[in-house]
C-alpha atoms as a PDB file:
ATOM      1  CA  MET A   1     -84.027  79.475 267.495  1.00  0.00           C
ATOM      2  CA  SER A   2     -86.683  82.168 267.091  1.00  0.00           C
ATOM      3  CA  LEU A   3     -87.994  83.207 263.779  1.00  0.00           C
ATOM      4  CA  LYS A   4     -86.279  86.532 264.099  1.00  0.00           C
ATOM      5  CA  ASP A   5     -82.887  84.761 264.426  1.00  0.00           C
ATOM      6  CA  ASN A   6     -83.376  82.586 261.390  1.00  0.00           C
ATOM      7  CA  ILE A   7     -80.916  83.652 258.708  1.00  0.00           C
ATOM      8  CA  TYR A   8     -83.269  82.959 255.913  1.00  0.00           C
ATOM      9  CA  VAL A   9     -85.985  85.269 257.513  1.00  0.00           C
ATOM     10  CA  GLN A  10     -83.234  87.950 258.018  1.00  0.00           C
ATOM     11  CA  LEU A  11     -82.213  87.694 254.398  1.00  0.00           C
ATOM     12  CA  PHE A  12     -85.792  87.833 253.147  1.00  0.00           C
ATOM     13  CA  THR A  13     -86.778  90.743 255.282  1.00  0.00           C
ATOM     14  CA  THR A  14     -83.504  92.780 254.635  1.00  0.00           C
ATOM     15  CA  PHE A  15     -83.860  92.396 250.908  1.00  0.00           C
ATOM     16  CA  PHE A  16     -87.571  93.062 251.081  1.00  0.00           C
ATOM     17  CA  ARG A  17     -86.873  96.398 252.668  1.00  0.00           C
ATOM     18  CA  ILE A  18     -84.191  97.157 250.162  1.00  0.00           C
ATOM     19  CA  GLY A  19     -86.484  96.268 247.227  1.00  0.00           C
ATOM     20  CA  ALA A  20     -89.363  98.237 248.698  1.00  0.00           C
ATOM     21  CA  PHE A  21     -87.641 101.479 249.465  1.00  0.00           C
ATOM     22  CA  THR A  22     -85.075 101.791 246.691  1.00  0.00           C
ATOM     23  CA  PHE A  23     -85.909 103.687 243.481  1.00  0.00           C
ATOM     24  CA  GLY A  24     -83.702 103.806 240.369  1.00  0.00           C
ATOM     25  CA  GLY A  25     -82.767 100.163 239.715  1.00  0.00           C
ATOM     26  CA  GLY A  26     -79.902  97.992 240.711  1.00  0.00           C
ATOM     27  CA  TYR A  27     -77.241 100.595 240.854  1.00  0.00           C
ATOM     28  CA  ALA A  28     -79.134 102.755 243.213  1.00  0.00           C
ATOM     29  CA  MET A  29     -79.476  99.613 245.491  1.00  0.00           C
ATOM     30  CA  ILE A  30     -75.643  99.040 245.740  1.00  0.00           C
ATOM     31  CA  PRO A  31     -74.947 101.614 248.490  1.00  0.00           C
ATOM     32  CA  ILE A  32     -77.917 100.284 250.448  1.00  0.00           C
ATOM     33  CA  ILE A  33     -76.934  96.627 249.978  1.00  0.00           C
ATOM     34  CA  GLN A  34     -73.360  97.775 251.089  1.00  0.00           C
ATOM     35  CA  LYS A  35     -74.735  99.453 254.236  1.00  0.00           C
ATOM     36  CA  GLU A  36     -77.011  96.510 255.127  1.00  0.00           C
ATOM     37  CA  ALA A  37     -74.874  93.548 254.142  1.00  0.00           C
ATOM     38  CA  VAL A  38     -71.472  94.883 255.109  1.00  0.00           C
ATOM     39  CA  GLU A  39     -71.817  97.497 257.803  1.00  0.00           C
ATOM     40  CA  ASN A  40     -75.044  96.462 259.610  1.00  0.00           C
ATOM     41  CA  ARG A  41     -75.038  92.650 259.277  1.00  0.00           C
ATOM     42  CA  GLY A  42     -71.436  91.727 258.451  1.00  0.00           C
ATOM     43  CA  TRP A  43     -72.540  89.175 255.876  1.00  0.00           C
ATOM     44  CA  ILE A  44     -69.924  90.122 253.343  1.00  0.00           C
ATOM     45  CA  LYS A  45     -66.832  92.436 253.303  1.00  0.00           C
ATOM     46  CA  ASP A  46     -66.347  95.769 251.515  1.00  0.00           C
ATOM     47  CA  GLU A  47     -64.081  94.035 248.920  1.00  0.00           C
ATOM     48  CA  ASP A  48     -66.926  91.655 248.169  1.00  0.00           C
ATOM     49  CA  ILE A  49     -69.030  94.484 246.846  1.00  0.00           C
ATOM     50  CA  ILE A  50     -66.835  94.841 243.768  1.00  0.00           C
ATOM     51  CA  ASP A  51     -67.005  91.011 243.266  1.00  0.00           C
ATOM     52  CA  LEU A  52     -70.781  91.400 243.602  1.00  0.00           C
ATOM     53  CA  LEU A  53     -70.937  93.929 240.915  1.00  0.00           C
ATOM     54  CA  ALA A  54     -68.669  92.088 238.527  1.00  0.00           C
ATOM     55  CA  ILE A  55     -70.678  88.898 238.937  1.00  0.00           C
ATOM     56  CA  ALA A  56     -74.067  90.629 238.854  1.00  0.00           C
ATOM     57  CA  GLU A  57     -73.160  92.578 235.666  1.00  0.00           C
ATOM     58  CA  SER A  58     -71.664  89.600 233.870  1.00  0.00           C
ATOM     59  CA  THR A  59     -74.539  87.100 234.463  1.00  0.00           C
ATOM     60  CA  PRO A  60     -77.908  87.239 232.771  1.00  0.00           C
ATOM     61  CA  GLY A  61     -80.607  89.012 234.795  1.00  0.00           C
ATOM     62  CA  VAL A  62     -81.298  92.121 236.703  1.00  0.00           C
ATOM     63  CA  LEU A  63     -78.609  93.677 238.829  1.00  0.00           C
ATOM     64  CA  ALA A  64     -80.690  93.906 241.954  1.00  0.00           C
ATOM     65  CA  VAL A  65     -81.753  90.281 241.692  1.00  0.00           C
ATOM     66  CA  ASN A  66     -78.263  89.039 240.984  1.00  0.00           C
ATOM     67  CA  SER A  67     -76.834  91.082 243.813  1.00  0.00           C
ATOM     68  CA  ALA A  68     -79.392  89.629 246.273  1.00  0.00           C
ATOM     69  CA  THR A  69     -78.757  86.132 245.055  1.00  0.00           C
ATOM     70  CA  PHE A  70     -74.951  86.707 245.514  1.00  0.00           C
ATOM     71  CA  VAL A  71     -75.317  87.920 249.066  1.00  0.00           C
ATOM     72  CA  GLY A  72     -77.921  85.298 249.923  1.00  0.00           C
ATOM     73  CA  TYR A  73     -75.760  82.514 248.556  1.00  0.00           C
ATOM     74  CA  ASN A  74     -72.674  83.662 250.489  1.00  0.00           C
ATOM     75  CA  VAL A  75     -74.662  83.825 253.708  1.00  0.00           C
ATOM     76  CA  GLY A  76     -76.996  80.881 253.479  1.00  0.00           C
ATOM     77  CA  GLY A  77     -76.243  78.731 250.397  1.00  0.00           C
ATOM     78  CA  PHE A  78     -79.116  77.818 248.051  1.00  0.00           C
ATOM     79  CA  TRP A  79     -81.932  78.573 250.445  1.00  0.00           C
ATOM     80  CA  GLY A  80     -80.245  81.940 251.384  1.00  0.00           C
ATOM     81  CA  SER A  81     -80.054  82.973 247.859  1.00  0.00           C
ATOM     82  CA  ALA A  82     -83.690  81.984 247.306  1.00  0.00           C
ATOM     83  CA  ALA A  83     -84.806  83.920 250.375  1.00  0.00           C
ATOM     84  CA  ALA A  84     -82.875  87.078 249.419  1.00  0.00           C
ATOM     85  CA  THR A  85     -83.987  86.898 245.772  1.00  0.00           C
ATOM     86  CA  LEU A  86     -87.693  86.597 246.734  1.00  0.00           C
ATOM     87  CA  GLY A  87     -87.241  89.386 249.208  1.00  0.00           C
ATOM     88  CA  VAL A  88     -85.912  91.811 246.645  1.00  0.00           C
ATOM     89  CA  VAL A  89     -88.248  90.831 243.933  1.00  0.00           C
ATOM     90  CA  LEU A  90     -91.567  90.674 245.823  1.00  0.00           C
ATOM     91  CA  PRO A  91     -91.941  94.418 246.693  1.00  0.00           C
ATOM     92  CA  SER A  92     -91.604  95.383 243.020  1.00  0.00           C
ATOM     93  CA  PHE A  93     -94.157  92.743 241.983  1.00  0.00           C
ATOM     94  CA  LEU A  94     -96.693  93.816 244.642  1.00  0.00           C
ATOM     95  CA  ILE A  95     -96.252  97.530 243.844  1.00  0.00           C
ATOM     96  CA  ILE A  96     -96.593  97.039 240.113  1.00  0.00           C
ATOM     97  CA  LEU A  97     -99.650  94.859 240.714  1.00  0.00           C
ATOM     98  CA  ALA A  98    -101.206  97.498 242.944  1.00  0.00           C
ATOM     99  CA  LEU A  99    -100.370 100.436 240.779  1.00  0.00           C
ATOM    100  CA  SER A 100    -101.308  98.889 237.372  1.00  0.00           C
ATOM    101  CA  GLY A 101    -104.966  99.607 237.925  1.00  0.00           C
ATOM    102  CA  VAL A 102    -104.533 103.237 238.849  1.00  0.00           C
ATOM    103  CA  TYR A 103    -101.565 104.258 236.668  1.00  0.00           C
ATOM    104  CA  ILE A 104    -103.745 105.380 233.744  1.00  0.00           C
ATOM    105  CA  ALA A 105    -105.823 107.640 235.960  1.00  0.00           C
ATOM    106  CA  PHE A 106    -102.650 109.366 237.410  1.00  0.00           C
ATOM    107  CA  ARG A 107    -100.090 109.319 234.515  1.00  0.00           C
ATOM    108  CA  GLN A 108    -101.019 112.958 233.454  1.00  0.00           C
ATOM    109  CA  ASN A 109    -101.182 114.405 237.032  1.00  0.00           C
ATOM    110  CA  VAL A 110     -98.707 117.134 237.425  1.00  0.00           C
ATOM    111  CA  TRP A 111     -98.019 116.279 241.060  1.00  0.00           C
ATOM    112  CA  VAL A 112     -97.036 112.653 240.130  1.00  0.00           C
ATOM    113  CA  ASP A 113     -94.759 114.009 237.415  1.00  0.00           C
ATOM    114  CA  TYR A 114     -92.998 116.396 240.045  1.00  0.00           C
ATOM    115  CA  ALA A 115     -92.638 113.468 242.448  1.00  0.00           C
ATOM    116  CA  PHE A 116     -90.917 111.295 239.739  1.00  0.00           C
ATOM    117  CA  ARG A 117     -88.652 114.176 238.880  1.00  0.00           C
ATOM    118  CA  GLY A 118     -87.645 114.468 242.518  1.00  0.00           C
ATOM    119  CA  ILE A 119     -87.003 110.644 242.720  1.00  0.00           C
ATOM    120  CA  LYS A 120     -84.762 110.916 239.671  1.00  0.00           C
ATOM    121  CA  ALA A 121     -82.612 113.488 241.377  1.00  0.00           C
ATOM    122  CA  GLY A 122     -82.358 111.332 244.462  1.00  0.00           C
ATOM    123  CA  VAL A 123     -81.287 108.262 242.299  1.00  0.00           C
ATOM    124  CA  CYS A 124     -78.433 110.391 240.835  1.00  0.00           C
ATOM    125  CA  VAL A 125     -77.174 111.016 244.362  1.00  0.00           C
ATOM    126  CA  LEU A 126     -77.337 107.324 245.141  1.00  0.00           C
ATOM    127  CA  LEU A 127     -75.391 106.458 241.963  1.00  0.00           C
ATOM    128  CA  ILE A 128     -72.746 109.013 242.770  1.00  0.00           C
ATOM    129  CA  LYS A 129     -72.430 107.604 246.384  1.00  0.00           C
ATOM    130  CA  SER A 130     -72.166 104.051 244.910  1.00  0.00           C
ATOM    131  CA  PHE A 131     -69.372 105.154 242.539  1.00  0.00           C
ATOM    132  CA  THR A 132     -67.353 106.896 245.260  1.00  0.00           C
ATOM    133  CA  LYS A 133     -67.623 103.758 247.595  1.00  0.00           C
ATOM    134  CA  LEU A 134     -66.453 101.607 244.749  1.00  0.00           C
ATOM    135  CA  PHE A 135     -63.626 103.968 243.849  1.00  0.00           C
ATOM    136  CA  LYS A 136     -62.404 104.004 247.412  1.00  0.00           C
ATOM    137  CA  ALA A 137     -62.234 100.212 247.346  1.00  0.00           C
ATOM    138  CA  LEU A 138     -60.300 100.085 244.048  1.00  0.00           C
ATOM    139  CA  ASP A 139     -56.643  99.233 244.112  1.00  0.00           C
ATOM    140  CA  ARG A 140     -55.156 102.527 242.704  1.00  0.00           C
ATOM    141  CA  LYS A 141     -52.122 101.075 240.845  1.00  0.00           C
ATOM    142  CA  ALA A 142     -51.422 102.571 237.410  1.00  0.00           C
ATOM    143  CA  PHE A 143     -52.756  99.446 235.619  1.00  0.00           C
ATOM    144  CA  HIS A 144     -56.056  99.538 237.502  1.00  0.00           C
ATOM    145  CA  MET A 145     -56.483 103.260 237.039  1.00  0.00           C
ATOM    146  CA  ALA A 146     -55.714 102.851 233.263  1.00  0.00           C
ATOM    147  CA  LEU A 147     -58.358 100.068 233.092  1.00  0.00           C
ATOM    148  CA  LEU A 148     -60.872 102.178 234.855  1.00  0.00           C
ATOM    149  CA  VAL A 149     -60.355 105.148 232.455  1.00  0.00           C
ATOM    150  CA  CYS A 150     -60.518 102.897 229.415  1.00  0.00           C
ATOM    151  CA  ALA A 151     -63.653 101.297 230.635  1.00  0.00           C
ATOM    152  CA  ILE A 152     -65.327 104.583 231.186  1.00  0.00           C
ATOM    153  CA  LEU A 153     -64.223 105.798 227.759  1.00  0.00           C
ATOM    154  CA  ALA A 154     -65.474 102.590 226.050  1.00  0.00           C
ATOM    155  CA  SER A 155     -68.768 102.870 227.607  1.00  0.00           C
ATOM    156  CA  ALA A 156     -69.348 106.593 227.393  1.00  0.00           C
ATOM    157  CA  LEU A 157     -67.822 107.398 224.058  1.00  0.00           C
ATOM    158  CA  ALA A 158     -67.841 104.125 222.126  1.00  0.00           C
ATOM    159  CA  GLY A 159     -71.113 102.778 223.499  1.00  0.00           C
ATOM    160  CA  ILE A 160     -69.697  99.353 224.162  1.00  0.00           C
ATOM    161  CA  LYS A 161     -71.936  97.219 226.266  1.00  0.00           C
ATOM    162  CA  ALA A 162     -71.059  96.756 230.011  1.00  0.00           C
ATOM    163  CA  VAL A 163     -70.804  92.948 229.703  1.00  0.00           C
ATOM    164  CA  TYR A 164     -68.023  93.190 227.060  1.00  0.00           C
ATOM    165  CA  ILE A 165     -66.213  95.799 229.139  1.00  0.00           C
ATOM    166  CA  ILE A 166     -66.388  93.506 232.227  1.00  0.00           C
ATOM    167  CA  ILE A 167     -65.239  90.433 230.368  1.00  0.00           C
ATOM    168  CA  THR A 168     -62.351  92.286 228.805  1.00  0.00           C
ATOM    169  CA  GLY A 169     -61.474  93.725 232.146  1.00  0.00           C
ATOM    170  CA  GLY A 170     -61.513  90.307 233.791  1.00  0.00           C
ATOM    171  CA  ILE A 171     -59.228  89.006 231.129  1.00  0.00           C
ATOM    172  CA  LEU A 172     -56.744  91.721 231.177  1.00  0.00           C
ATOM    173  CA  GLY A 173     -56.759  91.622 235.063  1.00  0.00           C
ATOM    174  CA  TYR A 174     -55.985  87.987 234.944  1.00  0.00           C
ATOM    175  CA  VAL A 175     -53.279  88.379 232.467  1.00  0.00           C
ATOM    176  CA  TYR A 176     -51.739  91.243 234.407  1.00  0.00           C
ATOM    177  CA  ARG A 177     -51.878  89.542 237.650  1.00  0.00           C
ATOM    178  CA  THR A 178     -50.514  86.262 236.360  1.00  0.00           C
ATOM    179  CA  PHE A 179     -47.674  87.469 234.080  1.00  0.00           C
ATOM    180  CA  PHE A 180     -46.756  90.982 235.024  1.00  0.00           C
ATOM    181  CA  CYS A 181     -47.423  91.388 238.781  1.00  0.00           C
ATOM    182  CA  PRO A 182     -44.841  89.909 241.271  1.00  0.00           C
ATOM    183  CA  GLU A 183     -47.372  89.400 244.010  1.00  0.00           C
ATOM    184  CA  GLY A 184     -49.694  87.772 241.369  1.00  0.00           C
ATOM    185  CA  LYS A 185     -47.075  85.075 240.713  1.00  0.00           C
ATOM    186  CA  GLU A 186     -46.727  84.309 244.406  1.00  0.00           C
ATOM    187  CA  TYR A 187     -50.591  84.349 244.715  1.00  0.00           C
ATOM    188  CA  ALA A 188     -50.783  81.730 241.797  1.00  0.00           C
ATOM    189  CA  LYS A 189     -48.190  79.535 243.536  1.00  0.00           C
ATOM    190  CA  GLU A 190     -50.263  79.548 246.789  1.00  0.00           C
ATOM    191  CA  ASP A 191     -53.331  78.247 244.875  1.00  0.00           C
ATOM    192  CA  LYS A 192     -51.486  75.136 243.619  1.00  0.00           C
END
Protein backbone atom coordinates (compact mmCIF):
# COMPACT_ATOMS: atom_id res chain seq x y z
CA MET A 1 0.00 0.00 0.00
CA SER A 2 1.43 3.35 -1.01
CA LEU A 3 1.52 6.35 1.29
CA LYS A 4 -1.12 8.02 -0.89
CA ASP A 5 -3.53 5.10 -0.29
CA ASN A 6 -3.04 5.11 3.48
CA ILE A 7 -6.33 6.18 5.09
CA TYR A 8 -4.54 8.04 7.90
CA VAL A 9 -2.55 10.07 5.40
CA GLN A 10 -5.76 10.79 3.46
CA LEU A 11 -7.52 11.93 6.64
CA PHE A 12 -4.58 14.11 7.65
CA THR A 13 -4.15 15.77 4.24
CA THR A 14 -7.90 16.27 3.68
CA PHE A 15 -8.39 17.96 7.04
CA PHE A 16 -5.13 19.87 6.70
CA ARG A 17 -6.50 21.44 3.50
CA ILE A 18 -9.84 22.14 5.17
CA GLY A 19 -8.09 23.76 8.13
CA ALA A 20 -5.75 25.78 5.93
CA PHE A 21 -8.29 27.21 3.51
CA THR A 22 -11.39 27.80 5.64
CA PHE A 23 -11.97 31.12 7.34
CA GLY A 24 -14.73 31.83 9.83
CA GLY A 25 -14.55 28.97 12.28
CA GLY A 26 -16.23 25.61 12.56
CA TYR A 27 -19.59 26.45 11.00
CA ALA A 28 -17.89 27.74 7.88
CA MET A 29 -16.08 24.39 7.64
CA ILE A 30 -19.25 22.29 7.69
CA PRO A 31 -20.12 22.63 3.97
CA ILE A 32 -16.49 21.92 3.08
CA ILE A 33 -16.35 18.89 5.38
CA GLN A 34 -19.64 17.74 3.84
CA LYS A 35 -18.25 18.13 0.33
CA GLU A 36 -15.00 16.29 1.11
CA ALA A 37 -16.17 13.60 3.55
CA VAL A 38 -19.54 12.81 1.94
CA GLU A 39 -19.42 13.70 -1.76
CA ASN A 40 -15.74 13.34 -2.68
CA ARG A 41 -14.55 10.57 -0.36
CA GLY A 42 -17.72 8.74 0.76
CA TRP A 43 -16.42 8.45 4.31
CA ILE A 44 -19.76 9.35 5.89
CA LYS A 45 -23.34 9.88 4.70
CA ASP A 46 -25.28 13.15 4.40
CA GLU A 47 -27.38 12.17 7.42
CA ASP A 48 -24.19 11.81 9.46
CA ILE A 49 -23.51 15.55 9.07
CA ILE A 50 -26.42 16.33 11.41
CA ASP A 51 -25.12 13.76 13.90
CA LEU A 52 -21.66 15.27 13.49
CA LEU A 53 -23.00 18.74 14.36
CA ALA A 54 -25.01 17.48 17.34
CA ILE A 55 -22.03 15.63 18.78
CA ALA A 56 -19.53 18.40 17.96
CA GLU A 57 -21.72 21.06 19.59
CA SER A 58 -22.58 19.05 22.67
CA THR A 59 -19.03 18.01 23.54
CA PRO A 60 -16.35 20.31 24.92
CA GLY A 61 -13.98 21.78 22.39
CA VAL A 62 -13.91 23.60 19.11
CA LEU A 63 -16.50 22.62 16.47
CA ALA A 64 -13.89 22.12 13.73
CA VAL A 65 -11.74 19.87 15.90
CA ASN A 66 -14.70 17.86 17.16
CA SER A 67 -15.99 17.45 13.59
CA ALA A 68 -12.62 16.24 12.32
CA THR A 69 -12.35 13.85 15.25
CA PHE A 70 -15.85 12.49 14.51
CA VAL A 71 -15.13 11.85 10.84
CA GLY A 72 -11.67 10.46 11.54
CA TYR A 73 -12.99 8.06 14.17
CA ASN A 74 -15.76 6.83 11.86
CA VAL A 75 -13.23 6.16 9.11
CA GLY A 76 -10.13 4.95 10.95
CA GLY A 77 -10.87 4.50 14.65
CA PHE A 78 -8.56 6.09 17.21
CA TRP A 79 -5.66 6.69 14.81
CA GLY A 80 -8.03 8.06 12.18
CA SER A 81 -9.40 10.56 14.69
CA ALA A 82 -5.85 11.52 15.69
CA ALA A 83 -4.80 12.04 12.06
CA ALA A 84 -7.88 14.13 11.17
CA THR A 85 -7.64 16.20 14.36
CA LEU A 86 -3.94 16.93 13.85
CA GLY A 87 -4.65 17.79 10.21
CA VAL A 88 -7.33 20.36 11.03
CA VAL A 89 -5.41 21.97 13.92
CA LEU A 90 -1.93 22.19 12.41
CA PRO A 91 -2.63 24.86 9.73
CA SER A 92 -4.10 27.30 12.27
CA PHE A 93 -1.20 26.74 14.61
CA LEU A 94 1.37 27.31 11.87
CA ILE A 95 -0.42 30.38 10.48
CA ILE A 96 -0.78 31.98 13.92
CA LEU A 97 2.84 31.21 14.68
CA ALA A 98 3.94 32.85 11.42
CA LEU A 99 1.64 35.87 11.69
CA SER A 100 2.19 36.64 15.36
CA GLY A 101 5.46 38.40 14.59
CA VAL A 102 4.08 40.62 11.82
CA TYR A 103 0.54 41.23 13.13
CA ILE A 104 1.40 44.38 15.06
CA ALA A 105 3.02 45.95 11.99
CA PHE A 106 -0.01 45.28 9.76
CA ARG A 107 -3.03 45.57 12.08
CA GLN A 108 -3.67 49.24 11.17
CA ASN A 109 -3.13 48.71 7.42
CA VAL A 110 -6.25 49.70 5.48
CA TRP A 111 -5.76 46.94 2.87
CA VAL A 112 -5.57 44.26 5.54
CA ASP A 113 -8.79 45.68 7.03
CA TYR A 114 -10.51 45.51 3.61
CA ALA A 115 -9.33 41.94 3.11
CA PHE A 116 -10.80 40.85 6.44
CA ARG A 117 -14.10 42.57 5.65
CA GLY A 118 -14.26 40.61 2.40
CA ILE A 119 -13.47 37.38 4.22
CA LYS A 120 -16.33 38.07 6.67
CA ALA A 121 -18.77 38.41 3.74
CA GLY A 122 -17.56 35.10 2.33
CA VAL A 123 -18.00 33.42 5.71
CA CYS A 124 -21.65 34.56 5.81
CA VAL A 125 -22.23 32.84 2.47
CA LEU A 126 -20.64 29.63 3.77
CA LEU A 127 -22.87 29.72 6.87
CA ILE A 128 -26.00 30.19 4.75
CA LYS A 129 -24.94 27.30 2.53
CA SER A 130 -24.36 25.14 5.59
CA PHE A 131 -27.80 26.00 6.97
CA THR A 132 -29.57 25.20 3.70
CA LYS A 133 -27.83 21.80 3.41
CA LEU A 134 -28.75 20.94 6.99
CA PHE A 135 -32.33 22.13 6.44
CA LYS A 136 -32.67 19.90 3.36
CA ALA A 137 -31.57 16.88 5.41
CA LEU A 138 -34.05 17.68 8.20
CA ASP A 139 -37.11 15.45 8.56
CA ARG A 140 -39.87 18.03 7.98
CA LYS A 141 -42.58 16.59 10.21
CA ALA A 142 -44.54 19.10 12.29
CA PHE A 143 -42.70 18.11 15.48
CA HIS A 144 -39.27 18.62 13.93
CA MET A 145 -40.22 21.95 12.39
CA ALA A 146 -41.65 23.16 15.71
CA LEU A 147 -38.46 22.06 17.45
CA LEU A 148 -36.38 23.95 14.86
CA VAL A 149 -38.40 27.16 15.29
CA CYS A 150 -38.26 26.90 19.10
CA ALA A 151 -34.49 26.33 18.98
CA ILE A 152 -33.96 29.38 16.75
CA LEU A 153 -36.14 31.55 18.98
CA ALA A 154 -34.48 30.28 22.16
CA SER A 155 -31.06 31.09 20.75
CA ALA A 156 -31.81 34.37 18.97
CA LEU A 157 -34.31 35.98 21.35
CA ALA A 158 -33.66 34.41 24.72
CA GLY A 159 -29.89 34.05 24.33
CA ILE A 160 -29.93 30.46 25.57
CA LYS A 161 -26.60 28.70 24.98
CA ALA A 162 -26.42 26.19 22.13
CA VAL A 163 -25.42 23.31 24.41
CA TYR A 164 -28.67 23.62 26.40
CA ILE A 165 -30.72 23.82 23.22
CA ILE A 166 -29.03 20.69 21.85
CA ILE A 167 -29.50 18.73 25.07
CA THR A 168 -33.16 19.78 25.29
CA GLY A 169 -33.69 18.92 21.63
CA GLY A 170 -32.11 15.51 22.16
CA ILE A 171 -34.32 14.76 25.14
CA LEU A 172 -37.48 15.96 23.39
CA GLY A 173 -36.57 13.99 20.26
CA TYR A 174 -36.03 10.85 22.29
CA VAL A 175 -39.32 11.26 24.17
CA TYR A 176 -41.22 11.99 20.94
CA ARG A 177 -39.69 9.06 19.06
CA THR A 178 -40.16 6.63 21.95
CA PHE A 179 -43.67 7.52 23.12
CA PHE A 180 -45.52 9.40 20.38
CA CYS A 181 -44.16 8.19 17.07
CA PRO A 182 -45.43 4.81 15.77
CA GLU A 183 -42.28 4.08 13.77
CA GLY A 184 -40.25 5.01 16.86
CA LYS A 185 -41.88 2.21 18.83
CA GLU A 186 -41.03 -0.27 16.07
CA TYR A 187 -37.48 1.10 15.96
CA ALA A 188 -37.12 0.62 19.73
CA LYS A 189 -38.33 -3.01 19.43
CA GLU A 190 -35.71 -3.73 16.75
CA ASP A 191 -32.94 -2.54 19.08
CA LYS A 192 -33.87 -5.12 21.75
